[in-house]
Amino acid sequence: LVHSDLPAEQAADYASGWKEYYWLPLQKHFAALAGQGAKGATRTPAP
């Protein structure tokens, strides 16, 4: 990821937000799919 032109006073929050709201959930999502076997990218969405 290269995310540029962010408001300076908010950049640190977005940097941690990418980790918390995207990278970690993506890792969990694909780990859960792997646990289901080769069913592809479908699962019951979280609430």
All heavy atoms as atom14 arrays in JSON, in Angstrom:
{
  "sequence": "LVHSDLPAEQAADYASGWKEYYWLPLQKHFAALAGQGAKGATRTPAP",
  "atom14_mask": [
    [1, 1, 1, 1, 1, 1, 1, 1, 0, 0, 0, 0, 0, 0],
    [1, 1, 1, 1, 1, 1, 1, 0, 0, 0, 0, 0, 0, 0],
    [1, 1, 1, 1, 1, 1, 1, 1, 1, 1, 0, 0, 0, 0],
    [1, 1, 1, 1, 1, 1, 0, 0, 0, 0, 0, 0, 0, 0],
    [1, 1, 1, 1, 1, 1, 1, 1, 0, 0, 0, 0, 0, 0],
    [1, 1, 1, 1, 1, 1, 1, 1, 0, 0, 0, 0, 0, 0],
    [1, 1, 1, 1, 1, 1, 1, 0, 0, 0, 0, 0, 0, 0],
    [1, 1, 1, 1, 1, 0, 0, 0, 0, 0, 0, 0, 0, 0],
    [1, 1, 1, 1, 1, 1, 1, 1, 1, 0, 0, 0, 0, 0],
    [1, 1, 1, 1, 1, 1, 1, 1, 1, 0, 0, 0, 0, 0],
    [1, 1, 1, 1, 1, 0, 0, 0, 0, 0, 0, 0, 0, 0],
    [1, 1, 1, 1, 1, 0, 0, 0, 0, 0, 0, 0, 0, 0],
    [1, 1, 1, 1, 1, 1, 1, 1, 0, 0, 0, 0, 0, 0],
    [1, 1, 1, 1, 1, 1, 1, 1, 1, 1, 1, 1, 0, 0],
    [1, 1, 1, 1, 1, 0, 0, 0, 0, 0, 0, 0, 0, 0],
    [1, 1, 1, 1, 1, 1, 0, 0, 0, 0, 0, 0, 0, 0],
    [1, 1, 1, 1, 0, 0, 0, 0, 0, 0, 0, 0, 0, 0],
    [1, 1, 1, 1, 1, 1, 1, 1, 1, 1, 1, 1, 1, 1],
    [1, 1, 1, 1, 1, 1, 1, 1, 1, 0, 0, 0, 0, 0],
    [1, 1, 1, 1, 1, 1, 1, 1, 1, 0, 0, 0, 0, 0],
    [1, 1, 1, 1, 1, 1, 1, 1, 1, 1, 1, 1, 0, 0],
    [1, 1, 1, 1, 1, 1, 1, 1, 1, 1, 1, 1, 0, 0],
    [1, 1, 1, 1, 1, 1, 1, 1, 1, 1, 1, 1, 1, 1],
    [1, 1, 1, 1, 1, 1, 1, 1, 0, 0, 0, 0, 0, 0],
    [1, 1, 1, 1, 1, 1, 1, 0, 0, 0, 0, 0, 0, 0],
    [1, 1, 1, 1, 1, 1, 1, 1, 0, 0, 0, 0, 0, 0],
    [1, 1, 1, 1, 1, 1, 1, 1, 1, 0, 0, 0, 0, 0],
    [1, 1, 1, 1, 1, 1, 1, 1, 1, 0, 0, 0, 0, 0],
    [1, 1, 1, 1, 1, 1, 1, 1, 1, 1, 0, 0, 0, 0],
    [1, 1, 1, 1, 1, 1, 1, 1, 1, 1, 1, 0, 0, 0],
    [1, 1, 1, 1, 1, 0, 0, 0, 0, 0, 0, 0, 0, 0],
    [1, 1, 1, 1, 1, 0, 0, 0, 0, 0, 0, 0, 0, 0],
    [1, 1, 1, 1, 1, 1, 1, 1, 0, 0, 0, 0, 0, 0],
    [1, 1, 1, 1, 1, 0, 0, 0, 0, 0, 0, 0, 0, 0],
    [1, 1, 1, 1, 0, 0, 0, 0, 0, 0, 0, 0, 0, 0],
    [1, 1, 1, 1, 1, 1, 1, 1, 1, 0, 0, 0, 0, 0],
    [1, 1, 1, 1, 0, 0, 0, 0, 0, 0, 0, 0, 0, 0],
    [1, 1, 1, 1, 1, 0, 0, 0, 0, 0, 0, 0, 0, 0],
    [1, 1, 1, 1, 1, 1, 1, 1, 1, 0, 0, 0, 0, 0],
    [1, 1, 1, 1, 0, 0, 0, 0, 0, 0, 0, 0, 0, 0],
    [1, 1, 1, 1, 1, 0, 0, 0, 0, 0, 0, 0, 0, 0],
    [1, 1, 1, 1, 1, 1, 1, 0, 0, 0, 0, 0, 0, 0],
    [1, 1, 1, 1, 1, 1, 1, 1, 1, 1, 1, 0, 0, 0],
    [1, 1, 1, 1, 1, 1, 1, 0, 0, 0, 0, 0, 0, 0],
    [1, 1, 1, 1, 1, 1, 1, 0, 0, 0, 0, 0, 0, 0],
    [1, 1, 1, 1, 1, 0, 0, 0, 0, 0, 0, 0, 0, 0],
    [1, 1, 1, 1, 1, 1, 1, 0, 0, 0, 0, 0, 0, 0]
  ],
  "atom14_positions": [
    [[0.83, -1.19, 0.0], [0.0, 0.0, 0.0], [0.87, 1.25, 0.0], [1.8, 1.35, 0.8], [-0.89, 0.03, 1.25], [-1.63, 1.34, 1.53], [-2.74, 1.55, 0.52], [-2.19, 1.35, 2.94], [0.0, 0.0, 0.0], [0.0, 0.0, 0.0], [0.0, 0.0, 0.0], [0.0, 0.0, 0.0], [0.0, 0.0, 0.0], [0.0, 0.0, 0.0]],
    [[0.55, 2.17, -0.89], [1.08, 3.52, -0.84], [-0.15, 4.41, -0.82], [-0.93, 4.44, -1.78], [1.98, 3.86, -2.05], [2.47, 5.31, -1.95], [3.16, 2.89, -2.13], [0.0, 0.0, 0.0], [0.0, 0.0, 0.0], [0.0, 0.0, 0.0], [0.0, 0.0, 0.0], [0.0, 0.0, 0.0], [0.0, 0.0, 0.0], [0.0, 0.0, 0.0]],
    [[-0.36, 5.09, 0.3], [-1.54, 5.94, 0.48], [-1.02, 7.36, 0.71], [-0.5, 7.67, 1.77], [-2.36, 5.44, 1.67], [-3.72, 6.01, 1.71], [-4.69, 5.54, 2.56], [-4.31, 7.01, 1.01], [-5.8, 6.22, 2.38], [-5.59, 7.13, 1.46], [0.0, 0.0, 0.0], [0.0, 0.0, 0.0], [0.0, 0.0, 0.0], [0.0, 0.0, 0.0]],
    [[-1.14, 8.21, -0.31], [-0.53, 9.53, -0.28], [-1.58, 10.64, -0.22], [-2.76, 10.41, -0.41], [0.38, 9.71, -1.49], [-0.34, 9.51, -2.68], [0.0, 0.0, 0.0], [0.0, 0.0, 0.0], [0.0, 0.0, 0.0], [0.0, 0.0, 0.0], [0.0, 0.0, 0.0], [0.0, 0.0, 0.0], [0.0, 0.0, 0.0], [0.0, 0.0, 0.0]],
    [[-1.07, 11.83, 0.04], [-1.9, 13.05, 0.13], [-2.93, 12.99, 1.25], [-4.03, 13.53, 1.13], [-2.58, 13.35, -1.21], [-1.57, 13.59, -2.32], [-0.52, 14.18, -2.04], [-1.83, 13.18, -3.47], [0.0, 0.0, 0.0], [0.0, 0.0, 0.0], [0.0, 0.0, 0.0], [0.0, 0.0, 0.0], [0.0, 0.0, 0.0], [0.0, 0.0, 0.0]],
    [[-2.55, 12.36, 2.36], [-3.43, 12.29, 3.53], [-3.26, 13.55, 4.39], [-2.14, 14.07, 4.52], [-3.09, 11.07, 4.38], [-3.5, 9.74, 3.78], [-2.77, 8.6, 4.45], [-5.0, 9.56, 3.89], [0.0, 0.0, 0.0], [0.0, 0.0, 0.0], [0.0, 0.0, 0.0], [0.0, 0.0, 0.0], [0.0, 0.0, 0.0], [0.0, 0.0, 0.0]],
    [[-4.35, 14.03, 4.99], [-4.2, 15.15, 5.92], [-3.17, 14.78, 7.0], [-3.28, 13.73, 7.64], [-5.61, 15.3, 6.51], [-6.52, 14.73, 5.46], [-5.74, 13.59, 4.86], [0.0, 0.0, 0.0], [0.0, 0.0, 0.0], [0.0, 0.0, 0.0], [0.0, 0.0, 0.0], [0.0, 0.0, 0.0], [0.0, 0.0, 0.0], [0.0, 0.0, 0.0]],
    [[-2.17, 15.63, 7.17], [-1.04, 15.33, 8.06], [-1.48, 14.95, 9.46], [-0.96, 14.0, 10.05], [-0.09, 16.52, 8.1], [0.0, 0.0, 0.0], [0.0, 0.0, 0.0], [0.0, 0.0, 0.0], [0.0, 0.0, 0.0], [0.0, 0.0, 0.0], [0.0, 0.0, 0.0], [0.0, 0.0, 0.0], [0.0, 0.0, 0.0], [0.0, 0.0, 0.0]],
    [[-2.46, 15.66, 10.0], [-2.87, 15.43, 11.38], [-3.65, 14.12, 11.55], [-3.88, 13.68, 12.67], [-3.71, 16.61, 11.91], [-5.01, 16.85, 11.17], [-4.89, 17.61, 9.85], [-3.77, 17.94, 9.41], [-5.93, 17.87, 9.24], [0.0, 0.0, 0.0], [0.0, 0.0, 0.0], [0.0, 0.0, 0.0], [0.0, 0.0, 0.0], [0.0, 0.0, 0.0]],
    [[-4.01, 13.46, 10.45], [-4.77, 12.21, 10.52], [-3.98, 10.99, 10.06], [-4.44, 9.86, 10.22], [-6.04, 12.33, 9.65], [-6.97, 13.42, 10.11], [-8.14, 13.61, 9.15], [-8.21, 13.02, 8.08], [-9.07, 14.47, 9.54], [0.0, 0.0, 0.0], [0.0, 0.0, 0.0], [0.0, 0.0, 0.0], [0.0, 0.0, 0.0], [0.0, 0.0, 0.0]],
    [[-2.82, 11.18, 9.48], [-2.07, 10.09, 8.86], [-1.78, 8.94, 9.83], [-1.91, 7.77, 9.45], [-0.77, 10.61, 8.25], [0.0, 0.0, 0.0], [0.0, 0.0, 0.0], [0.0, 0.0, 0.0], [0.0, 0.0, 0.0], [0.0, 0.0, 0.0], [0.0, 0.0, 0.0], [0.0, 0.0, 0.0], [0.0, 0.0, 0.0], [0.0, 0.0, 0.0]],
    [[-1.39, 9.23, 11.04], [-1.08, 8.15, 12.0], [-2.32, 7.31, 12.29], [-2.22, 6.08, 12.41], [-0.51, 8.73, 13.29], [0.0, 0.0, 0.0], [0.0, 0.0, 0.0], [0.0, 0.0, 0.0], [0.0, 0.0, 0.0], [0.0, 0.0, 0.0], [0.0, 0.0, 0.0], [0.0, 0.0, 0.0], [0.0, 0.0, 0.0], [0.0, 0.0, 0.0]],
    [[-3.49, 7.94, 12.37], [-4.72, 7.19, 12.61], [-5.05, 6.28, 11.43], [-5.47, 5.14, 11.61], [-5.89, 8.14, 12.87], [-5.79, 8.82, 14.22], [-5.23, 8.23, 15.16], [-6.29, 9.95, 14.33], [0.0, 0.0, 0.0], [0.0, 0.0, 0.0], [0.0, 0.0, 0.0], [0.0, 0.0, 0.0], [0.0, 0.0, 0.0], [0.0, 0.0, 0.0]],
    [[-4.85, 6.78, 10.2], [-5.11, 5.94, 9.04], [-4.09, 4.8, 8.95], [-4.44, 3.68, 8.58], [-5.13, 6.76, 7.75], [-6.31, 7.71, 7.72], [-6.12, 9.07, 7.56], [-7.61, 7.26, 7.89], [-7.19, 9.96, 7.56], [-8.69, 8.13, 7.89], [-8.47, 9.48, 7.72], [-9.53, 10.35, 7.73], [0.0, 0.0, 0.0], [0.0, 0.0, 0.0]],
    [[-2.84, 5.06, 9.32], [-1.83, 4.0, 9.3], [-2.24, 2.86, 10.23], [-2.16, 1.68, 9.85], [-0.47, 4.56, 9.7], [0.0, 0.0, 0.0], [0.0, 0.0, 0.0], [0.0, 0.0, 0.0], [0.0, 0.0, 0.0], [0.0, 0.0, 0.0], [0.0, 0.0, 0.0], [0.0, 0.0, 0.0], [0.0, 0.0, 0.0], [0.0, 0.0, 0.0]],
    [[-2.69, 3.17, 11.43], [-3.14, 2.1, 12.33], [-4.47, 1.53, 11.87], [-4.72, 0.33, 12.02], [-3.23, 2.6, 13.77], [-4.19, 3.62, 13.9], [0.0, 0.0, 0.0], [0.0, 0.0, 0.0], [0.0, 0.0, 0.0], [0.0, 0.0, 0.0], [0.0, 0.0, 0.0], [0.0, 0.0, 0.0], [0.0, 0.0, 0.0], [0.0, 0.0, 0.0]],
    [[-5.31, 2.34, 11.25], [-6.6, 1.87, 10.75], [-6.45, 0.82, 9.65], [-7.2, -0.16, 9.61], [0.0, 0.0, 0.0], [0.0, 0.0, 0.0], [0.0, 0.0, 0.0], [0.0, 0.0, 0.0], [0.0, 0.0, 0.0], [0.0, 0.0, 0.0], [0.0, 0.0, 0.0], [0.0, 0.0, 0.0], [0.0, 0.0, 0.0], [0.0, 0.0, 0.0]],
    [[-5.47, 1.01, 8.75], [-5.26, 0.0, 7.71], [-4.95, -1.35, 8.34], [-5.46, -2.37, 7.9], [-4.14, 0.41, 6.75], [-4.62, 1.42, 5.75], [-4.26, 2.72, 5.65], [-5.61, 1.2, 4.74], [-4.96, 3.33, 4.64], [-5.8, 2.41, 4.06], [-6.36, 0.1, 4.35], [-6.7, 2.55, 3.0], [-7.26, 0.24, 3.3], [-7.42, 1.45, 2.64]],
    [[-4.13, -1.34, 9.37], [-3.77, -2.6, 10.03], [-4.99, -3.22, 10.73], [-5.28, -4.41, 10.56], [-2.64, -2.36, 11.03], [-1.34, -1.95, 10.37], [-0.3, -1.53, 11.37], [0.92, -0.96, 10.67], [1.87, -0.38, 11.61], [0.0, 0.0, 0.0], [0.0, 0.0, 0.0], [0.0, 0.0, 0.0], [0.0, 0.0, 0.0], [0.0, 0.0, 0.0]],
    [[-5.69, -2.42, 11.51], [-6.8, -2.92, 12.33], [-8.04, -3.28, 11.52], [-8.7, -4.28, 11.8], [-7.17, -1.88, 13.38], [-8.26, -2.35, 14.33], [-8.56, -1.33, 15.43], [-7.83, -0.33, 15.56], [-9.52, -1.58, 16.17], [0.0, 0.0, 0.0], [0.0, 0.0, 0.0], [0.0, 0.0, 0.0], [0.0, 0.0, 0.0], [0.0, 0.0, 0.0]],
    [[-8.38, -2.47, 10.52], [-9.65, -2.66, 9.81], [-9.51, -3.35, 8.45], [-10.52, -3.7, 7.84], [-10.36, -1.32, 9.63], [-10.72, -0.7, 10.95], [-10.04, 0.41, 11.43], [-11.72, -1.25, 11.75], [-10.36, 0.97, 12.66], [-12.04, -0.71, 12.97], [-11.36, 0.4, 13.42], [-11.67, 0.94, 14.65], [0.0, 0.0, 0.0], [0.0, 0.0, 0.0]],
    [[-8.27, -3.53, 7.98], [-8.08, -4.19, 6.69], [-7.14, -5.38, 6.75], [-7.53, -6.49, 6.41], [-7.64, -3.18, 5.61], [-8.83, -2.43, 5.09], [-9.26, -1.27, 5.71], [-9.57, -2.9, 4.02], [-10.38, -0.59, 5.28], [-10.7, -2.24, 3.58], [-11.1, -1.09, 4.21], [-12.22, -0.45, 3.78], [0.0, 0.0, 0.0], [0.0, 0.0, 0.0]],
    [[-5.89, -5.18, 7.14], [-4.93, -6.28, 7.03], [-5.28, -7.43, 7.98], [-5.29, -8.59, 7.56], [-3.5, -5.79, 7.26], [-3.13, -4.57, 6.47], [-2.27, -3.58, 6.87], [-3.54, -4.19, 5.15], [-2.16, -2.62, 5.91], [-2.94, -2.96, 4.83], [-4.4, -4.74, 4.21], [-3.14, -2.29, 3.63], [-4.63, -4.07, 3.0], [-3.99, -2.88, 2.73]],
    [[-5.56, -7.13, 9.23], [-5.91, -8.2, 10.17], [-7.22, -8.89, 9.77], [-7.26, -10.13, 9.7], [-5.99, -7.65, 11.59], [-6.24, -8.68, 12.7], [-5.17, -9.75, 12.7], [-6.29, -7.98, 14.06], [0.0, 0.0, 0.0], [0.0, 0.0, 0.0], [0.0, 0.0, 0.0], [0.0, 0.0, 0.0], [0.0, 0.0, 0.0], [0.0, 0.0, 0.0]],
    [[-8.29, -8.17, 9.43], [-9.51, -8.85, 8.98], [-9.31, -9.67, 7.7], [-9.89, -10.75, 7.56], [-10.51, -7.72, 8.76], [-10.04, -6.64, 9.7], [-8.54, -6.74, 9.67], [0.0, 0.0, 0.0], [0.0, 0.0, 0.0], [0.0, 0.0, 0.0], [0.0, 0.0, 0.0], [0.0, 0.0, 0.0], [0.0, 0.0, 0.0], [0.0, 0.0, 0.0]],
    [[-8.5, -9.17, 6.76], [-8.23, -9.95, 5.55], [-7.53, -11.26, 5.9], [-7.86, -12.32, 5.36], [-7.35, -9.16, 4.58], [-8.04, -8.38, 3.48], [-7.02, -7.54, 2.71], [-8.81, -9.28, 2.54], [0.0, 0.0, 0.0], [0.0, 0.0, 0.0], [0.0, 0.0, 0.0], [0.0, 0.0, 0.0], [0.0, 0.0, 0.0], [0.0, 0.0, 0.0]],
    [[-6.54, -11.2, 6.8], [-5.84, -12.41, 7.2], [-6.8, -13.4, 7.87], [-6.78, -14.6, 7.57], [-4.68, -12.05, 8.13], [-3.57, -11.34, 7.4], [-2.51, -10.74, 8.3], [-2.76, -10.44, 9.46], [-1.32, -10.55, 7.76], [0.0, 0.0, 0.0], [0.0, 0.0, 0.0], [0.0, 0.0, 0.0], [0.0, 0.0, 0.0], [0.0, 0.0, 0.0]],
    [[-7.66, -12.9, 8.75], [-8.63, -13.77, 9.41], [-9.63, -14.34, 8.41], [-10.01, -15.52, 8.5], [-9.37, -13.0, 10.51], [-8.51, -12.71, 11.71], [-9.29, -11.94, 12.77], [-8.44, -11.66, 13.98], [-9.2, -10.9, 15.0], [0.0, 0.0, 0.0], [0.0, 0.0, 0.0], [0.0, 0.0, 0.0], [0.0, 0.0, 0.0], [0.0, 0.0, 0.0]],
    [[-10.07, -13.53, 7.47], [-11.04, -13.95, 6.45], [-10.49, -15.14, 5.66], [-11.16, -16.16, 5.52], [-11.33, -12.76, 5.52], [-12.19, -13.07, 4.36], [-13.55, -13.27, 4.47], [-11.91, -13.19, 3.03], [-14.06, -13.5, 3.26], [-13.09, -13.46, 2.38], [0.0, 0.0, 0.0], [0.0, 0.0, 0.0], [0.0, 0.0, 0.0], [0.0, 0.0, 0.0]],
    [[-9.25, -15.01, 5.17], [-8.69, -16.09, 4.36], [-8.28, -17.29, 5.2], [-8.34, -18.42, 4.72], [-7.57, -15.57, 3.46], [-8.13, -14.76, 2.31], [-7.98, -13.39, 2.28], [-8.87, -15.37, 1.31], [-8.53, -12.64, 1.25], [-9.43, -14.63, 0.27], [-9.26, -13.26, 0.25], [0.0, 0.0, 0.0], [0.0, 0.0, 0.0], [0.0, 0.0, 0.0]],
    [[-7.93, -17.09, 6.46], [-7.67, -18.23, 7.34], [-8.95, -19.01, 7.57], [-8.95, -20.25, 7.58], [-7.09, -17.74, 8.67], [0.0, 0.0, 0.0], [0.0, 0.0, 0.0], [0.0, 0.0, 0.0], [0.0, 0.0, 0.0], [0.0, 0.0, 0.0], [0.0, 0.0, 0.0], [0.0, 0.0, 0.0], [0.0, 0.0, 0.0], [0.0, 0.0, 0.0]],
    [[-10.08, -18.29, 7.74], [-11.37, -18.96, 7.92], [-11.77, -19.72, 6.67], [-12.28, -20.84, 6.75], [-12.46, -17.94, 8.28], [0.0, 0.0, 0.0], [0.0, 0.0, 0.0], [0.0, 0.0, 0.0], [0.0, 0.0, 0.0], [0.0, 0.0, 0.0], [0.0, 0.0, 0.0], [0.0, 0.0, 0.0], [0.0, 0.0, 0.0], [0.0, 0.0, 0.0]],
    [[-11.52, -19.13, 5.5], [-11.84, -19.82, 4.24], [-10.99, -21.07, 4.09], [-11.48, -22.1, 3.64], [-11.62, -18.89, 3.05], [-12.61, -17.75, 2.91], [-12.23, -16.85, 1.74], [-14.04, -18.25, 2.74], [0.0, 0.0, 0.0], [0.0, 0.0, 0.0], [0.0, 0.0, 0.0], [0.0, 0.0, 0.0], [0.0, 0.0, 0.0], [0.0, 0.0, 0.0]],
    [[-9.72, -20.99, 4.49], [-8.84, -22.16, 4.4], [-9.37, -23.27, 5.3], [-9.28, -24.45, 4.96], [-7.42, -21.79, 4.79], [0.0, 0.0, 0.0], [0.0, 0.0, 0.0], [0.0, 0.0, 0.0], [0.0, 0.0, 0.0], [0.0, 0.0, 0.0], [0.0, 0.0, 0.0], [0.0, 0.0, 0.0], [0.0, 0.0, 0.0], [0.0, 0.0, 0.0]],
    [[-9.95, -22.9, 6.43], [-10.52, -23.87, 7.34], [-11.76, -24.55, 6.79], [-12.14, -25.62, 7.23], [0.0, 0.0, 0.0], [0.0, 0.0, 0.0], [0.0, 0.0, 0.0], [0.0, 0.0, 0.0], [0.0, 0.0, 0.0], [0.0, 0.0, 0.0], [0.0, 0.0, 0.0], [0.0, 0.0, 0.0], [0.0, 0.0, 0.0], [0.0, 0.0, 0.0]],
    [[-12.4, -23.93, 5.78], [-13.59, -24.5, 5.15], [-13.23, -25.42, 4.0], [-14.1, -26.0, 3.37], [-14.49, -23.39, 4.59], [-15.12, -22.53, 5.63], [-15.99, -21.45, 4.99], [-16.15, -21.38, 3.78], [-16.56, -20.62, 5.83], [0.0, 0.0, 0.0], [0.0, 0.0, 0.0], [0.0, 0.0, 0.0], [0.0, 0.0, 0.0], [0.0, 0.0, 0.0]],
    [[-11.95, -25.52, 3.66], [-11.56, -26.31, 2.51], [-11.57, -25.46, 1.27], [-11.52, -24.25, 1.33], [0.0, 0.0, 0.0], [0.0, 0.0, 0.0], [0.0, 0.0, 0.0], [0.0, 0.0, 0.0], [0.0, 0.0, 0.0], [0.0, 0.0, 0.0], [0.0, 0.0, 0.0], [0.0, 0.0, 0.0], [0.0, 0.0, 0.0], [0.0, 0.0, 0.0]],
    [[-11.67, -26.08, 0.12], [-11.59, -25.37, -1.16], [-12.96, -24.93, -1.64], [-13.37, -25.22, -2.74], [-10.91, -26.26, -2.2], [0.0, 0.0, 0.0], [0.0, 0.0, 0.0], [0.0, 0.0, 0.0], [0.0, 0.0, 0.0], [0.0, 0.0, 0.0], [0.0, 0.0, 0.0], [0.0, 0.0, 0.0], [0.0, 0.0, 0.0], [0.0, 0.0, 0.0]],
    [[-13.68, -24.19, -0.84], [-15.02, -23.73, -1.22], [-15.0, -22.36, -1.88], [-16.03, -21.81, -2.2], [-15.93, -23.67, 0.02], [-16.24, -25.03, 0.59], [-17.18, -24.91, 1.74], [-17.48, -26.28, 2.34], [-18.34, -26.19, 3.49], [0.0, 0.0, 0.0], [0.0, 0.0, 0.0], [0.0, 0.0, 0.0], [0.0, 0.0, 0.0], [0.0, 0.0, 0.0]],
    [[-13.82, -21.77, -2.05], [-13.76, -20.46, -2.69], [-13.96, -19.34, -1.69], [-13.93, -19.54, -0.49], [0.0, 0.0, 0.0], [0.0, 0.0, 0.0], [0.0, 0.0, 0.0], [0.0, 0.0, 0.0], [0.0, 0.0, 0.0], [0.0, 0.0, 0.0], [0.0, 0.0, 0.0], [0.0, 0.0, 0.0], [0.0, 0.0, 0.0], [0.0, 0.0, 0.0]],
    [[-14.2, -18.16, -2.2], [-14.27, -16.95, -1.36], [-15.69, -16.66, -0.92], [-16.19, -15.57, -1.09], [-13.68, -15.77, -2.12], [0.0, 0.0, 0.0], [0.0, 0.0, 0.0], [0.0, 0.0, 0.0], [0.0, 0.0, 0.0], [0.0, 0.0, 0.0], [0.0, 0.0, 0.0], [0.0, 0.0, 0.0], [0.0, 0.0, 0.0], [0.0, 0.0, 0.0]],
    [[-16.36, -17.66, -0.38], [-17.69, -17.41, 0.15], [-17.77, -17.92, 1.58], [-17.17, -18.92, 1.93], [-18.77, -18.13, -0.69], [-18.5, -19.52, -0.69], [-18.81, -17.61, -2.11], [0.0, 0.0, 0.0], [0.0, 0.0, 0.0], [0.0, 0.0, 0.0], [0.0, 0.0, 0.0], [0.0, 0.0, 0.0], [0.0, 0.0, 0.0], [0.0, 0.0, 0.0]],
    [[-18.48, -17.19, 2.38], [-18.75, -17.58, 3.75], [-19.87, -16.7, 4.24], [-20.22, -15.72, 3.62], [-17.52, -17.47, 4.64], [-17.11, -16.04, 4.94], [-15.98, -16.07, 5.97], [-15.5, -14.75, 6.25], [-15.91, -13.97, 7.25], [-16.86, -14.37, 8.05], [-15.39, -12.79, 7.45], [0.0, 0.0, 0.0], [0.0, 0.0, 0.0], [0.0, 0.0, 0.0]],
    [[-20.42, -17.04, 5.37], [-21.46, -16.2, 5.94], [-20.81, -14.93, 6.47], [-19.88, -15.0, 7.27], [-22.17, -16.93, 7.09], [-22.68, -18.15, 6.57], [-23.29, -16.08, 7.66], [0.0, 0.0, 0.0], [0.0, 0.0, 0.0], [0.0, 0.0, 0.0], [0.0, 0.0, 0.0], [0.0, 0.0, 0.0], [0.0, 0.0, 0.0], [0.0, 0.0, 0.0]],
    [[-21.26, -13.75, 5.99], [-20.63, -12.51, 6.45], [-20.84, -12.31, 7.95], [-21.83, -12.75, 8.52], [-21.37, -11.42, 5.67], [-22.05, -12.13, 4.55], [-22.28, -13.53, 5.01], [0.0, 0.0, 0.0], [0.0, 0.0, 0.0], [0.0, 0.0, 0.0], [0.0, 0.0, 0.0], [0.0, 0.0, 0.0], [0.0, 0.0, 0.0], [0.0, 0.0, 0.0]],
    [[-19.88, -11.6, 8.54], [-20.03, -11.2, 9.94], [-21.19, -10.21, 10.03], [-21.54, -9.58, 9.04], [-18.74, -10.53, 10.41], [0.0, 0.0, 0.0], [0.0, 0.0, 0.0], [0.0, 0.0, 0.0], [0.0, 0.0, 0.0], [0.0, 0.0, 0.0], [0.0, 0.0, 0.0], [0.0, 0.0, 0.0], [0.0, 0.0, 0.0], [0.0, 0.0, 0.0]],
    [[-21.8, -10.08, 11.19], [-22.88, -9.1, 11.31], [-22.37, -7.72, 10.88], [-21.27, -7.32, 11.22], [-23.2, -9.1, 12.81], [-22.66, -10.38, 13.32], [-21.51, -10.75, 12.43], [0.0, 0.0, 0.0], [0.0, 0.0, 0.0], [0.0, 0.0, 0.0], [0.0, 0.0, 0.0], [0.0, 0.0, 0.0], [0.0, 0.0, 0.0], [0.0, 0.0, 0.0]]
  ]
}
